[in-house]
Amino acid sequence: MLGEMQAVDWLAHWRQLRPGAVAVVDSDSGIQYTYRQLSERAEVAAAYLSQEHGIGPGDRVAFLAQNCLEHIDLLFACGILGAIYVPLNFRLAVPELSFAVDDARPKVALFTDEFETLARALDVKAGPPASRWVVVSELTRQGETDSDSLGGGRCERRQWPVDLDDPWAILYTGGTTGTPKGAVLSHRSITANAVNTIISWRLRPDDIGPIFTPFFHTGGWNVFTLPLLYLGGTVVLTRAFDPGRALNIIDLFGCTIVFMVPTMYQMMSELPGFSGDGLDTVRFFISGGAPCPLPLYQTYWDRGLEFKQGYGLTEAGPNTFALHGEEIRQKPGAVGRPLLYVEVRLVEEGGGEVTAAGEVGELWVRGPHVFNGYWNRPEATAAVLDQEGWLRTGDLARRDEEGCYYIVDRKKQVIISGGENIFPMEVETVLHSHPLVSSCAVFGVADQRWGEAVTAAVTLVPGALIAGDELRQYCRKRIAGYKVPKQVHIMEELPQTPAGKIDKKVLVALYSDRSECNDANA
């Protein structure tokens, strides 16, 4: 795919074909930006980076900010210059974030005013020659809305000075589960993901997508932002997620496609206004980033809404599968079939390929959307990416007789208790089916008798009261005894990673000393 094609400036293309079409809407201010304005802003940003900071091919440009228009300015400015964009995760602790800064060694790092204290702390922590820290207001004056008033020159290049395999962005992943790794996304991988998504997800130029996930995460960029900008559609930006505001934004701007993580969908569905009118402009809702509880599907289906599960990871696009039409409800929990230019296979522990329907294997993915590797981490790259281009995802999956795929669980999260393999997602599905359970996580903790003890943490719906032992009895009637959690802990809220996923590492650490249980029948 893409063959000998060259990397080009998408915004310049649409500036010629649809200059007045709305590219981005700032939901906080209501200001709309056309493709002409967006293209010109990127050129101004490129001129600023080049003239003021000497940015050129291969240089890294970092940005510390919540979702805002300047993210898009800087990404496309890097494309114009052949530089590499590094959006920083403002939710990480200083030691985690300073590692990423020191690893990427940006030539310049920009930040918004609200993160000045954090930026200065990173400047001291990482130290020279990591970067030069600059407040982003030096690039765009606060309150200005037209690219003509941004000042400075322009750096206009429709044909970018890069090959498709050159890096365009580095997204750091794994900061809460170990040393952060910078996933290198090339122009080819980002473009291929956009093409795959547009074709197989049936996106349209008149689609309007709100962006509720952060730009330091692949979901913020590559689920809808960049596919829509590649297509000439419209992106609605919002700085931070709030469920009530999200519900309002979808209706106010007539959004047609929506992506969120399950936690966000759950929070939005619990609002009083969710059961009323509205959301009728949305063609489909897609959930990703973490497994989606089956009751949450039903909540949206009961509203007559098309709601489905996606699957992906930073290292592979992330968009990998598609599911449409009647199969969405016929196959709850399925992620679908591979996108157009995506190859997948299931591999068993010994390396052989799983061929029988229903059998579980590790999901391997190959295609032009796969990442280049981890920045400065050749050993980590070799551990997941083989010489034939196959990416070992670390996720376990199965395929039904009709070729539809289901994600079973993370390979590393499989619990081995008493010699039995237990998939946490299976137990979580049962717990989620209890009407008083709002959210849950199942994980293993070290246990002298069982090797690992199946353990659960749950939150309850507002006002509900139920004991952990009652939930264990509920599970016992629905799954094998060895799968039943040996302890169920009721929590007010579950810890989350910066990307909005439930942080099981925190839960394991929290409950590792509380796992003693003598229930031989569990």
Protein backbone atom coordinates (compact mmCIF):
# COMPACT_ATOMS: atom_id res chain seq x y z
CA MET A 1 0.00 0.00 0.00
CA LEU A 2 1.10 3.59 -0.79
CA GLY A 3 3.97 2.14 -2.85
CA GLU A 4 6.24 4.86 -4.20
CA MET A 5 3.90 7.67 -3.19
CA GLN A 6 5.46 10.62 -1.41
CA ALA A 7 4.38 12.35 1.76
CA VAL A 8 2.29 15.42 1.00
CA ASP A 9 0.67 18.24 2.93
CA TRP A 10 -2.95 17.22 3.47
CA LEU A 11 -3.99 20.68 4.60
CA ALA A 12 -2.50 22.37 1.53
CA HIS A 13 -4.43 19.90 -0.63
CA TRP A 14 -7.77 20.74 0.97
CA ARG A 15 -6.93 24.46 0.95
CA GLN A 16 -6.93 24.19 -2.82
CA LEU A 17 -10.01 21.98 -3.20
CA ARG A 18 -12.20 23.10 -0.28
CA PRO A 19 -10.65 26.28 1.15
CA GLY A 20 -13.82 27.40 2.94
CA ALA A 21 -14.74 24.01 4.41
CA VAL A 22 -14.64 23.87 8.20
CA ALA A 23 -11.69 21.77 9.37
CA VAL A 24 -11.70 22.39 13.12
CA VAL A 25 -14.17 23.80 15.61
CA ASP A 26 -12.97 24.93 19.03
CA SER A 27 -15.84 23.82 21.26
CA ASP A 28 -14.74 26.13 24.10
CA SER A 29 -14.88 29.32 22.02
CA GLY A 30 -17.13 28.19 19.20
CA ILE A 31 -14.60 29.52 16.67
CA GLN A 32 -14.41 27.65 13.37
CA TYR A 33 -11.24 27.25 11.33
CA THR A 34 -11.36 26.53 7.62
CA TYR A 35 -8.87 24.39 5.76
CA ARG A 36 -7.32 27.56 4.35
CA GLN A 37 -6.80 28.97 7.81
CA LEU A 38 -5.52 25.68 9.21
CA SER A 39 -3.04 25.27 6.36
CA GLU A 40 -1.77 28.82 6.74
CA ARG A 41 -1.41 28.42 10.52
CA ALA A 42 0.77 25.34 9.95
CA GLU A 43 2.95 27.30 7.54
CA VAL A 44 3.35 30.14 10.03
CA ALA A 45 4.24 27.65 12.77
CA ALA A 46 6.79 26.00 10.49
CA ALA A 47 8.39 29.36 9.72
CA TYR A 48 8.55 30.16 13.43
CA LEU A 49 10.16 26.81 14.31
CA SER A 50 12.64 27.10 11.47
CA GLN A 51 13.60 30.73 11.91
CA GLU A 52 13.54 31.03 15.71
CA HIS A 53 14.74 27.57 16.72
CA GLY A 54 16.53 26.14 13.69
CA ILE A 55 14.17 23.16 13.41
CA GLY A 56 14.85 20.95 10.42
CA PRO A 57 14.57 17.31 9.30
CA GLY A 58 14.80 14.83 12.16
CA ASP A 59 14.64 17.42 14.96
CA ARG A 60 12.11 16.77 17.70
CA VAL A 61 9.51 19.34 18.71
CA ALA A 62 7.70 18.69 22.00
CA PHE A 63 4.48 20.25 23.28
CA LEU A 64 3.03 20.17 26.80
CA ALA A 65 -0.64 21.11 26.65
CA GLN A 66 -4.21 19.93 26.86
CA ASN A 67 -6.06 19.49 23.58
CA CYS A 68 -5.90 22.72 21.59
CA LEU A 69 -5.49 23.95 18.04
CA GLU A 70 -1.75 24.48 18.47
CA HIS A 71 -1.27 20.71 18.61
CA ILE A 72 -2.50 20.47 15.02
CA ASP A 73 -0.47 23.54 13.99
CA LEU A 74 2.70 21.96 15.33
CA LEU A 75 2.11 18.46 13.95
CA PHE A 76 1.67 19.76 10.41
CA ALA A 77 4.48 22.27 10.86
CA CYS A 78 6.73 19.32 11.66
CA GLY A 79 5.52 17.66 8.46
CA ILE A 80 6.47 20.75 6.45
CA LEU A 81 9.97 20.78 7.99
CA GLY A 82 10.56 17.03 8.17
CA ALA A 83 10.72 17.29 11.96
CA ILE A 84 9.24 14.88 14.53
CA TYR A 85 6.37 15.87 16.80
CA VAL A 86 6.34 14.75 20.46
CA PRO A 87 3.12 15.51 22.39
CA LEU A 88 3.83 15.19 26.10
CA ASN A 89 1.58 13.54 28.67
CA PHE A 90 0.83 16.29 31.21
CA ARG A 91 -0.78 13.74 33.56
CA LEU A 92 2.46 11.89 34.27
CA ALA A 93 4.60 12.55 37.31
CA VAL A 94 7.74 14.63 36.85
CA PRO A 95 10.15 11.62 36.94
CA GLU A 96 8.13 9.79 34.25
CA LEU A 97 7.78 12.86 32.08
CA SER A 98 11.38 13.91 32.48
CA PHE A 99 12.46 10.48 31.24
CA ALA A 100 10.44 10.98 28.06
CA VAL A 101 11.87 14.48 27.54
CA ASP A 102 15.42 13.30 28.07
CA ASP A 103 14.82 10.31 25.80
CA ALA A 104 13.34 12.31 22.91
CA ARG A 105 15.74 15.26 23.41
CA PRO A 106 13.57 17.80 21.62
CA LYS A 107 15.38 20.79 20.16
CA VAL A 108 12.51 22.94 21.39
CA ALA A 109 9.68 22.18 23.82
CA LEU A 110 6.62 24.39 23.94
CA PHE A 111 4.02 24.63 26.68
CA THR A 112 0.83 26.50 27.49
CA ASP A 113 0.69 28.93 30.41
CA GLU A 114 -1.14 26.51 32.71
CA PHE A 115 1.81 24.09 32.60
CA GLU A 116 4.59 26.60 33.19
CA THR A 117 5.42 25.22 36.65
CA LEU A 118 5.60 21.66 35.30
CA ALA A 119 7.64 22.77 32.31
CA ARG A 120 10.14 24.58 34.51
CA ALA A 121 10.42 21.52 36.76
CA LEU A 122 11.13 19.37 33.72
CA ASP A 123 13.66 21.89 32.46
CA VAL A 124 15.59 21.52 35.72
CA LYS A 125 15.08 17.75 35.96
CA ALA A 126 16.03 16.86 32.39
CA GLY A 127 18.50 19.71 32.03
CA PRO A 128 20.51 20.68 28.98
CA PRO A 129 20.88 19.57 26.28
CA ALA A 130 17.38 18.09 26.47
CA SER A 131 15.54 21.11 25.14
CA ARG A 132 14.76 24.77 25.15
CA TRP A 133 11.42 25.46 26.82
CA VAL A 134 9.21 28.12 25.24
CA VAL A 135 5.69 29.24 26.14
CA VAL A 136 3.43 28.62 23.14
CA SER A 137 2.12 32.19 23.20
CA GLU A 138 5.36 33.10 21.44
CA LEU A 139 3.97 31.15 18.50
CA THR A 140 0.39 32.36 18.56
CA ARG A 141 -0.78 35.47 20.38
CA GLN A 142 -3.56 34.76 22.86
CA GLY A 143 -7.04 35.40 21.46
CA GLU A 144 -6.06 35.66 17.80
CA THR A 145 -8.24 33.63 15.49
CA ASP A 146 -7.04 34.36 11.96
CA SER A 147 -3.82 32.98 10.55
CA ASP A 148 -3.09 36.33 8.85
CA SER A 149 -2.60 37.91 12.29
CA LEU A 150 -0.18 35.33 13.62
CA GLY A 151 2.81 37.36 12.50
CA GLY A 152 6.06 36.24 10.94
CA GLY A 153 6.53 34.54 7.61
CA ARG A 154 5.23 31.34 6.11
CA CYS A 155 6.95 28.15 5.12
CA GLU A 156 4.83 26.77 2.29
CA ARG A 157 5.73 23.35 0.90
CA ARG A 158 3.09 21.14 -0.64
CA GLN A 159 5.62 18.34 -1.18
CA TRP A 160 7.13 17.60 2.21
CA PRO A 161 10.89 16.94 2.49
CA VAL A 162 10.39 13.41 3.85
CA ASP A 163 9.97 9.83 2.77
CA LEU A 164 6.84 8.03 3.87
CA ASP A 165 8.91 5.88 6.22
CA ASP A 166 10.40 8.92 8.01
CA PRO A 167 9.10 9.55 11.56
CA TRP A 168 6.32 12.09 11.95
CA ALA A 169 5.47 11.65 15.64
CA ILE A 170 6.65 9.92 18.79
CA LEU A 171 3.94 8.90 21.25
CA TYR A 172 5.18 7.76 24.65
CA THR A 173 3.36 4.75 26.03
CA GLY A 174 3.68 2.65 29.18
CA GLY A 175 4.54 5.42 31.61
CA THR A 176 2.44 3.91 34.42
CA THR A 177 3.58 0.32 33.86
CA GLY A 178 7.32 0.79 33.56
CA THR A 179 9.81 2.98 31.73
CA PRO A 180 7.97 4.94 29.01
CA LYS A 181 8.65 3.82 25.45
CA GLY A 182 8.39 6.21 22.53
CA ALA A 183 6.40 4.60 19.71
CA VAL A 184 7.66 6.06 16.42
CA LEU A 185 4.82 6.69 13.97
CA SER A 186 5.95 7.34 10.41
CA HIS A 187 4.21 9.34 7.71
CA ARG A 188 3.36 5.97 6.17
CA SER A 189 1.82 4.50 9.33
CA ILE A 190 -0.26 7.60 10.08
CA THR A 191 -1.41 7.93 6.47
CA ALA A 192 -2.17 4.21 6.14
CA ASN A 193 -4.21 4.28 9.34
CA ALA A 194 -6.18 7.23 7.96
CA VAL A 195 -6.85 5.43 4.66
CA ASN A 196 -7.77 2.15 6.39
CA THR A 197 -10.13 3.96 8.75
CA ILE A 198 -11.83 6.05 6.08
CA ILE A 199 -12.49 3.09 3.81
CA SER A 200 -13.37 0.33 6.27
CA TRP A 201 -15.21 2.49 8.80
CA ARG A 202 -17.09 4.26 5.98
CA LEU A 203 -16.16 7.79 6.96
CA ARG A 204 -17.51 10.67 4.86
CA PRO A 205 -16.38 14.25 4.09
CA ASP A 206 -19.45 15.55 5.91
CA ASP A 207 -18.60 13.65 9.10
CA ILE A 208 -18.07 15.68 12.28
CA GLY A 209 -16.11 14.06 15.09
CA PRO A 210 -15.56 15.38 18.63
CA ILE A 211 -12.15 14.66 20.15
CA PHE A 212 -12.53 13.76 23.82
CA THR A 213 -9.32 11.73 24.22
CA PRO A 214 -6.00 13.53 24.77
CA PHE A 215 -3.46 14.28 22.05
CA PHE A 216 -0.67 12.55 23.95
CA HIS A 217 -2.61 9.35 23.23
CA THR A 218 -2.99 7.67 19.84
CA GLY A 219 -6.77 7.74 20.28
CA GLY A 220 -6.71 11.52 20.25
CA TRP A 221 -4.88 11.66 16.94
CA ASN A 222 -5.47 8.52 14.98
CA VAL A 223 -8.97 7.32 15.70
CA PHE A 224 -10.68 10.33 14.18
CA THR A 225 -8.64 13.57 14.12
CA LEU A 226 -6.18 12.66 11.38
CA PRO A 227 -8.51 10.41 9.35
CA LEU A 228 -11.02 13.27 9.24
CA LEU A 229 -8.39 15.85 8.26
CA TYR A 230 -7.09 13.48 5.57
CA LEU A 231 -10.65 13.15 4.25
CA GLY A 232 -11.59 16.83 4.47
CA GLY A 233 -14.04 16.35 7.35
CA THR A 234 -14.54 18.34 10.54
CA VAL A 235 -12.95 17.90 13.97
CA VAL A 236 -14.47 19.37 17.15
CA LEU A 237 -11.79 20.05 19.77
CA THR A 238 -12.39 20.09 23.50
CA ARG A 239 -9.69 20.69 26.10
CA ALA A 240 -10.75 18.08 28.62
CA PHE A 241 -13.49 15.51 29.02
CA ASP A 242 -16.57 16.22 31.09
CA PRO A 243 -19.55 13.88 30.58
CA GLY A 244 -22.22 16.58 30.69
CA ARG A 245 -20.29 18.82 28.36
CA ALA A 246 -19.60 15.89 26.03
CA LEU A 247 -23.32 15.19 25.76
CA ASN A 248 -23.91 18.85 24.95
CA ILE A 249 -21.08 19.09 22.42
CA ILE A 250 -22.34 16.10 20.44
CA ASP A 251 -25.74 17.71 20.01
CA LEU A 252 -24.62 21.33 19.71
CA PHE A 253 -22.23 20.66 16.83
CA GLY A 254 -24.22 17.88 15.16
CA CYS A 255 -21.49 15.29 15.59
CA THR A 256 -21.89 12.21 13.41
CA ILE A 257 -19.16 9.85 14.70
CA VAL A 258 -17.99 9.56 18.31
CA PHE A 259 -15.04 7.80 19.94
CA MET A 260 -14.51 7.48 23.67
CA VAL A 261 -13.10 4.96 26.13
CA PRO A 262 -15.58 2.82 28.13
CA THR A 263 -15.21 4.89 31.30
CA MET A 264 -16.29 8.01 29.41
CA TYR A 265 -19.29 6.25 27.88
CA GLN A 266 -20.29 4.93 31.30
CA MET A 267 -20.10 8.40 32.86
CA MET A 268 -22.15 9.93 30.04
CA SER A 269 -24.81 7.20 30.24
CA GLU A 270 -25.32 7.87 33.97
CA LEU A 271 -26.38 11.49 33.34
CA PRO A 272 -30.09 12.29 33.70
CA GLY A 273 -30.06 13.91 30.26
CA PHE A 274 -28.81 10.77 28.54
CA SER A 275 -32.22 9.12 28.54
CA GLY A 276 -33.88 12.10 26.86
CA ASP A 277 -33.84 13.33 23.30
CA GLY A 278 -30.68 14.07 21.36
CA LEU A 279 -27.72 12.22 19.90
CA ASP A 280 -29.79 11.65 16.76
CA THR A 281 -27.08 13.05 14.46
CA VAL A 282 -24.60 10.32 15.46
CA ARG A 283 -24.14 7.58 12.85
CA PHE A 284 -22.17 5.41 15.25
CA PHE A 285 -20.40 5.39 18.60
CA ILE A 286 -17.21 3.37 18.89
CA SER A 287 -15.47 2.41 22.11
CA GLY A 288 -11.78 1.63 22.45
CA GLY A 289 -8.76 1.78 24.71
CA ALA A 290 -10.07 -0.92 27.05
CA PRO A 291 -12.61 -3.79 27.04
CA CYS A 292 -16.18 -2.57 26.98
CA PRO A 293 -18.65 -4.21 29.40
CA LEU A 294 -21.56 -5.86 27.61
CA PRO A 295 -24.21 -4.05 29.73
CA LEU A 296 -22.81 -0.77 28.45
CA TYR A 297 -23.53 -1.88 24.88
CA GLN A 298 -27.11 -2.55 25.87
CA THR A 299 -27.47 0.84 27.52
CA TYR A 300 -26.73 2.55 24.22
CA TRP A 301 -28.64 0.03 22.13
CA ASP A 302 -31.71 0.63 24.28
CA ARG A 303 -31.51 4.26 23.19
CA GLY A 304 -31.59 3.08 19.56
CA LEU A 305 -27.94 4.09 19.04
CA GLU A 306 -25.34 2.20 17.01
CA PHE A 307 -22.65 1.37 19.54
CA LYS A 308 -19.70 -0.95 18.91
CA GLN A 309 -16.26 -1.94 20.14
CA GLY A 310 -13.03 -1.07 18.35
CA TYR A 311 -9.56 -2.46 18.90
CA GLY A 312 -6.11 -1.07 18.48
CA LEU A 313 -2.84 -0.10 20.06
CA THR A 314 -0.39 2.75 19.59
CA GLU A 315 2.02 0.49 17.74
CA ALA A 316 -0.58 -0.48 15.12
CA GLY A 317 -2.40 2.51 13.82
CA PRO A 318 -4.37 2.02 16.14
CA ASN A 319 -7.42 1.08 14.08
CA THR A 320 -7.35 -2.59 13.11
CA PHE A 321 -10.86 -4.08 12.79
CA ALA A 322 -14.32 -3.04 11.61
CA LEU A 323 -17.84 -4.27 12.33
CA HIS A 324 -21.04 -3.03 10.70
CA GLY A 325 -24.79 -3.53 10.43
CA GLU A 326 -26.71 -6.32 12.09
CA GLU A 327 -23.56 -8.10 13.22
CA ILE A 328 -22.96 -5.42 15.85
CA ARG A 329 -25.84 -6.79 17.92
CA GLN A 330 -25.56 -10.36 16.71
CA LYS A 331 -21.96 -10.53 17.90
CA PRO A 332 -21.73 -8.47 21.11
CA GLY A 333 -18.15 -7.97 22.18
CA ALA A 334 -16.73 -8.63 18.72
CA VAL A 335 -14.25 -6.19 17.20
CA GLY A 336 -14.98 -7.40 13.68
CA ARG A 337 -12.79 -8.19 10.69
CA PRO A 338 -9.45 -6.68 9.66
CA LEU A 339 -9.45 -3.32 7.90
CA LEU A 340 -8.61 -3.18 4.19
CA TYR A 341 -4.80 -3.08 4.33
CA VAL A 342 -4.39 -5.02 7.58
CA GLU A 343 -3.24 -8.62 7.97
CA VAL A 344 -3.82 -10.52 11.22
CA ARG A 345 -3.14 -13.98 12.52
CA LEU A 346 -3.45 -15.85 15.80
CA VAL A 347 -0.32 -17.54 17.14
CA GLU A 348 -0.12 -20.19 19.85
CA GLU A 349 2.54 -20.33 22.56
CA GLY A 350 4.85 -22.59 20.54
CA GLY A 351 4.79 -20.30 17.52
CA GLY A 352 2.34 -22.22 15.37
CA GLU A 353 -0.69 -20.53 13.86
CA VAL A 354 -4.13 -21.10 15.36
CA THR A 355 -6.50 -22.18 12.62
CA ALA A 356 -9.56 -23.64 14.38
CA ALA A 357 -12.50 -21.37 15.09
CA GLY A 358 -12.87 -20.52 18.78
CA GLU A 359 -9.29 -21.30 19.76
CA VAL A 360 -7.32 -18.59 21.52
CA GLY A 361 -3.96 -17.27 20.33
CA GLU A 362 -1.86 -14.14 20.52
CA LEU A 363 -2.94 -11.58 17.95
CA TRP A 364 -0.23 -10.61 15.46
CA VAL A 365 -0.78 -7.70 13.08
CA ARG A 366 0.99 -6.63 9.88
CA GLY A 367 0.48 -3.76 7.48
CA PRO A 368 1.67 -0.28 6.49
CA HIS A 369 -0.06 1.17 9.56
CA VAL A 370 2.36 -0.59 11.95
CA PHE A 371 4.85 1.64 13.75
CA ASN A 372 8.59 1.92 12.97
CA GLY A 373 9.67 0.77 16.43
CA TYR A 374 10.47 2.32 19.80
CA TRP A 375 12.69 5.41 19.90
CA ASN A 376 16.17 4.48 21.18
CA ARG A 377 14.92 1.01 22.20
CA PRO A 378 16.14 -1.57 19.63
CA GLU A 379 15.77 -4.50 22.03
CA ALA A 380 12.21 -3.53 22.95
CA THR A 381 11.44 -3.14 19.24
CA ALA A 382 12.85 -6.56 18.38
CA ALA A 383 10.75 -8.12 21.14
CA VAL A 384 7.48 -7.08 19.44
CA LEU A 385 8.31 -6.56 15.74
CA ASP A 386 9.83 -9.37 13.68
CA GLN A 387 11.80 -9.12 10.44
CA GLU A 388 8.73 -9.92 8.35
CA GLY A 389 6.85 -6.94 9.79
CA TRP A 390 4.57 -8.87 12.15
CA LEU A 391 3.71 -7.00 15.36
CA ARG A 392 3.14 -9.17 18.42
CA THR A 393 0.37 -7.28 20.16
CA GLY A 394 0.44 -9.15 23.47
CA ASP A 395 -3.35 -9.48 23.23
CA LEU A 396 -5.15 -12.81 23.15
CA ALA A 397 -7.95 -13.21 20.64
CA ARG A 398 -10.21 -15.78 19.02
CA ARG A 399 -11.97 -15.96 15.66
CA ASP A 400 -15.46 -17.36 15.10
CA GLU A 401 -16.53 -19.54 12.18
CA GLU A 402 -17.49 -16.48 10.15
CA GLY A 403 -14.09 -14.86 10.50
CA CYS A 404 -15.09 -12.32 13.13
CA TYR A 405 -12.53 -11.58 15.85
CA TYR A 406 -12.97 -11.16 19.61
CA ILE A 407 -10.31 -9.90 22.01
CA VAL A 408 -10.09 -12.31 24.95
CA ASP A 409 -7.59 -10.54 27.20
CA ARG A 410 -4.07 -9.21 27.57
CA LYS A 411 -1.54 -12.05 27.47
CA LYS A 412 0.27 -10.63 30.50
CA GLN A 413 -2.96 -10.35 32.49
CA VAL A 414 -3.99 -13.99 32.24
CA ILE A 415 -4.26 -15.35 35.80
CA ILE A 416 -2.83 -18.79 36.51
CA SER A 417 -4.54 -20.04 39.65
CA GLY A 418 -4.14 -23.64 40.77
CA GLY A 419 -2.75 -24.50 37.34
CA GLU A 420 -5.82 -23.13 35.51
CA ASN A 421 -5.67 -20.25 33.03
CA ILE A 422 -8.28 -17.60 33.83
CA PHE A 423 -9.09 -14.68 31.56
CA PRO A 424 -9.97 -11.62 33.67
CA MET A 425 -12.32 -10.29 30.98
CA GLU A 426 -14.54 -13.34 31.34
CA VAL A 427 -14.95 -12.74 35.07
CA GLU A 428 -15.40 -9.01 34.53
CA THR A 429 -18.23 -9.70 32.10
CA VAL A 430 -20.09 -11.64 34.79
CA LEU A 431 -19.55 -8.94 37.42
CA HIS A 432 -20.65 -6.23 35.00
CA SER A 433 -23.91 -8.13 34.46
CA HIS A 434 -24.90 -7.55 38.10
CA PRO A 435 -27.34 -4.61 38.21
CA LEU A 436 -25.59 -2.97 41.18
CA VAL A 437 -22.09 -3.03 39.67
CA SER A 438 -21.00 0.12 37.87
CA SER A 439 -17.41 -0.83 36.97
CA CYS A 440 -14.95 -3.55 37.86
CA ALA A 441 -11.47 -4.93 37.37
CA VAL A 442 -10.28 -8.50 37.86
CA PHE A 443 -6.61 -9.27 38.43
CA GLY A 444 -4.30 -11.79 40.03
CA VAL A 445 -2.29 -11.32 43.21
CA ALA A 446 0.44 -13.63 44.51
CA ASP A 447 -0.91 -16.42 46.69
CA GLN A 448 1.07 -19.17 48.44
CA ARG A 449 -1.59 -21.80 47.89
CA TRP A 450 -2.94 -20.99 44.43
CA GLY A 451 0.06 -19.30 42.83
CA GLU A 452 -2.22 -16.41 41.97
CA ALA A 453 -5.53 -15.55 43.59
CA VAL A 454 -8.32 -14.19 41.40
CA THR A 455 -9.21 -10.82 42.91
CA ALA A 456 -11.80 -8.21 41.94
CA ALA A 457 -12.32 -4.53 42.66
CA VAL A 458 -15.70 -3.04 41.89
CA THR A 459 -17.58 0.21 42.13
CA LEU A 460 -21.33 0.26 42.66
CA VAL A 461 -24.08 2.29 41.06
CA PRO A 462 -24.98 5.38 43.14
CA GLY A 463 -26.83 4.46 46.34
CA ALA A 464 -26.29 0.70 45.99
CA LEU A 465 -25.25 -1.52 48.89
CA ILE A 466 -23.95 -5.07 48.48
CA ALA A 467 -21.22 -7.11 50.12
CA GLY A 468 -18.27 -8.60 48.30
CA ASP A 469 -19.32 -12.11 49.35
CA GLU A 470 -22.73 -11.60 47.73
CA LEU A 471 -21.01 -10.74 44.46
CA ARG A 472 -18.85 -13.84 44.79
CA GLN A 473 -21.98 -15.96 45.16
CA TYR A 474 -23.45 -14.25 42.11
CA CYS A 475 -20.35 -15.24 40.14
CA ARG A 476 -20.41 -18.80 41.47
CA LYS A 477 -23.79 -19.40 39.78
CA ARG A 478 -22.46 -18.27 36.39
CA ILE A 479 -18.85 -19.39 36.00
CA ALA A 480 -16.66 -22.27 37.14
CA GLY A 481 -15.67 -22.23 40.77
CA TYR A 482 -11.95 -21.76 40.12
CA LYS A 483 -12.73 -18.53 38.23
CA VAL A 484 -14.71 -16.96 41.07
CA PRO A 485 -12.79 -14.11 42.76
CA LYS A 486 -11.39 -15.15 46.09
CA GLN A 487 -11.93 -11.60 47.27
CA VAL A 488 -14.12 -8.78 45.97
CA HIS A 489 -13.19 -5.31 47.16
CA ILE A 490 -15.79 -2.53 47.01
CA MET A 491 -14.22 0.81 46.08
CA GLU A 492 -15.56 4.33 45.61
CA GLU A 493 -13.64 4.62 42.34
CA LEU A 494 -11.11 2.57 40.40
CA PRO A 495 -7.66 4.03 39.69
CA GLN A 496 -7.09 5.08 36.09
CA THR A 497 -4.08 5.46 33.83
CA PRO A 498 -3.52 8.83 32.10
CA ALA A 499 -5.28 7.40 29.04
CA GLY A 500 -8.46 6.67 31.03
CA LYS A 501 -7.98 2.91 31.39
CA ILE A 502 -8.37 1.10 34.71
CA ASP A 503 -4.91 0.83 36.24
CA LYS A 504 -4.61 -2.79 37.34
CA LYS A 505 -0.99 -2.34 38.40
CA VAL A 506 -2.14 0.01 41.15
CA LEU A 507 -4.83 -2.46 42.22
CA VAL A 508 -2.37 -5.36 42.37
CA ALA A 509 -0.04 -3.30 44.56
CA LEU A 510 -2.93 -2.18 46.75
CA TYR A 511 -4.38 -5.62 47.42
CA SER A 512 -1.34 -7.89 47.26
CA ASP A 513 -1.14 -8.01 51.04
CA ARG A 514 -4.85 -8.67 51.46
CA SER A 515 -5.25 -11.81 49.38
CA GLU A 516 -5.24 -14.46 52.09
CA CYS A 517 -8.18 -16.76 51.53
CA ASN A 518 -8.84 -20.35 52.53
CA ASP A 519 -11.85 -20.95 50.31
CA ALA A 520 -10.84 -24.26 48.71
CA ASN A 521 -14.03 -24.32 46.66
CA ALA A 522 -13.54 -20.90 45.09
